[in-house]
Amino acid sequence: LGAAAEARGLVVRKVDPEGRAAGAGIQSGDIIEEVNRKPVRSPEDLRAAVNATRDRPLLLLVNREGRNFFLTVPRA
């Protein structure tokens, strides 16, 4: 994936091209390392972080090809 060996998180395998994640810039192969400044290491971590933030956008720390950056995903 081109990420650093120490990158930790969830690998995005597929993105709905019509979904909010795609609209925010998430791409297949990205590694989501944090949601709202909390580390995510499992699908359960991701679900818990998303469920804990029902009223505001999600702030994701993403690793793409070894570069880290933040993306904001709006809520429905």
Protein backbone atom coordinates (compact mmCIF):
# COMPACT_ATOMS: atom_id res chain seq x y z
CA LEU A 1 0.00 0.00 0.00
CA GLY A 2 3.00 2.26 0.24
CA ALA A 3 2.33 3.09 3.90
CA ALA A 4 5.04 3.24 6.53
CA ALA A 5 5.61 -0.02 8.41
CA GLU A 6 4.40 1.62 11.63
CA ALA A 7 1.05 2.69 10.13
CA ARG A 8 -1.82 1.26 12.15
CA GLY A 9 -5.50 1.35 11.35
CA LEU A 10 -8.14 0.03 8.99
CA VAL A 11 -7.49 -0.40 5.28
CA VAL A 12 -10.26 0.88 3.03
CA ARG A 13 -10.97 -1.83 0.47
CA LYS A 14 -13.91 -0.34 -1.36
CA VAL A 15 -15.63 3.06 -1.45
CA ASP A 16 -19.18 3.72 -2.64
CA PRO A 17 -18.62 6.35 -5.35
CA GLU A 18 -21.97 7.95 -4.44
CA GLY A 19 -21.32 7.92 -0.66
CA ARG A 20 -20.20 10.59 1.79
CA ALA A 21 -16.77 8.99 2.26
CA ALA A 22 -16.01 9.26 -1.47
CA GLY A 23 -17.28 12.81 -1.46
CA ALA A 24 -14.87 13.62 1.37
CA GLY A 25 -11.96 12.13 -0.56
CA ILE A 26 -11.56 8.64 0.95
CA GLN A 27 -10.02 6.25 -1.57
CA SER A 28 -9.53 2.52 -1.81
CA GLY A 29 -6.20 1.66 -0.20
CA ASP A 30 -6.34 4.46 2.37
CA ILE A 31 -5.61 3.53 5.98
CA ILE A 32 -7.91 5.15 8.53
CA GLU A 33 -5.74 5.59 11.62
CA GLU A 34 -7.99 7.75 13.81
CA VAL A 35 -11.58 8.92 14.02
CA ASN A 36 -12.13 12.12 16.00
CA ARG A 37 -8.58 11.84 17.36
CA LYS A 38 -9.13 8.31 18.71
CA PRO A 39 -7.14 5.41 17.25
CA VAL A 40 -9.07 2.76 15.34
CA ARG A 41 -7.64 -0.72 15.01
CA SER A 42 -10.74 -2.78 14.30
CA PRO A 43 -14.13 -2.44 12.63
CA GLU A 44 -15.63 -2.34 16.13
CA ASP A 45 -13.44 0.68 17.02
CA LEU A 46 -14.62 2.43 13.88
CA ARG A 47 -18.30 1.67 14.58
CA ALA A 48 -17.98 2.90 18.18
CA ALA A 49 -16.32 6.16 17.08
CA VAL A 50 -18.96 6.78 14.40
CA ASN A 51 -21.82 6.01 16.81
CA ALA A 52 -20.35 8.32 19.46
CA THR A 53 -20.47 11.23 17.01
CA ARG A 54 -23.99 11.40 15.71
CA ASP A 55 -24.40 15.19 15.54
CA ARG A 56 -21.17 16.45 13.94
CA PRO A 57 -18.83 15.57 11.07
CA LEU A 58 -16.20 12.87 11.51
CA LEU A 59 -12.56 13.89 11.55
CA LEU A 60 -10.42 11.11 10.06
CA LEU A 61 -6.66 10.78 10.17
CA VAL A 62 -5.82 9.00 6.93
CA ASN A 63 -2.57 7.48 5.72
CA ARG A 64 -2.28 7.39 1.94
CA GLU A 65 0.92 6.01 0.46
CA GLY A 66 2.88 6.94 3.59
CA ARG A 67 1.49 10.47 3.97
CA ASN A 68 -0.85 11.39 6.82
CA PHE A 69 -3.61 13.98 6.50
CA PHE A 70 -7.02 14.78 7.94
CA LEU A 71 -10.35 14.51 6.12
CA THR A 72 -13.78 15.55 7.34
CA VAL A 73 -16.76 13.33 6.51
CA PRO A 74 -20.16 15.00 6.95
CA ARG A 75 -22.95 13.23 8.78
CA ALA A 76 -26.21 12.41 7.01
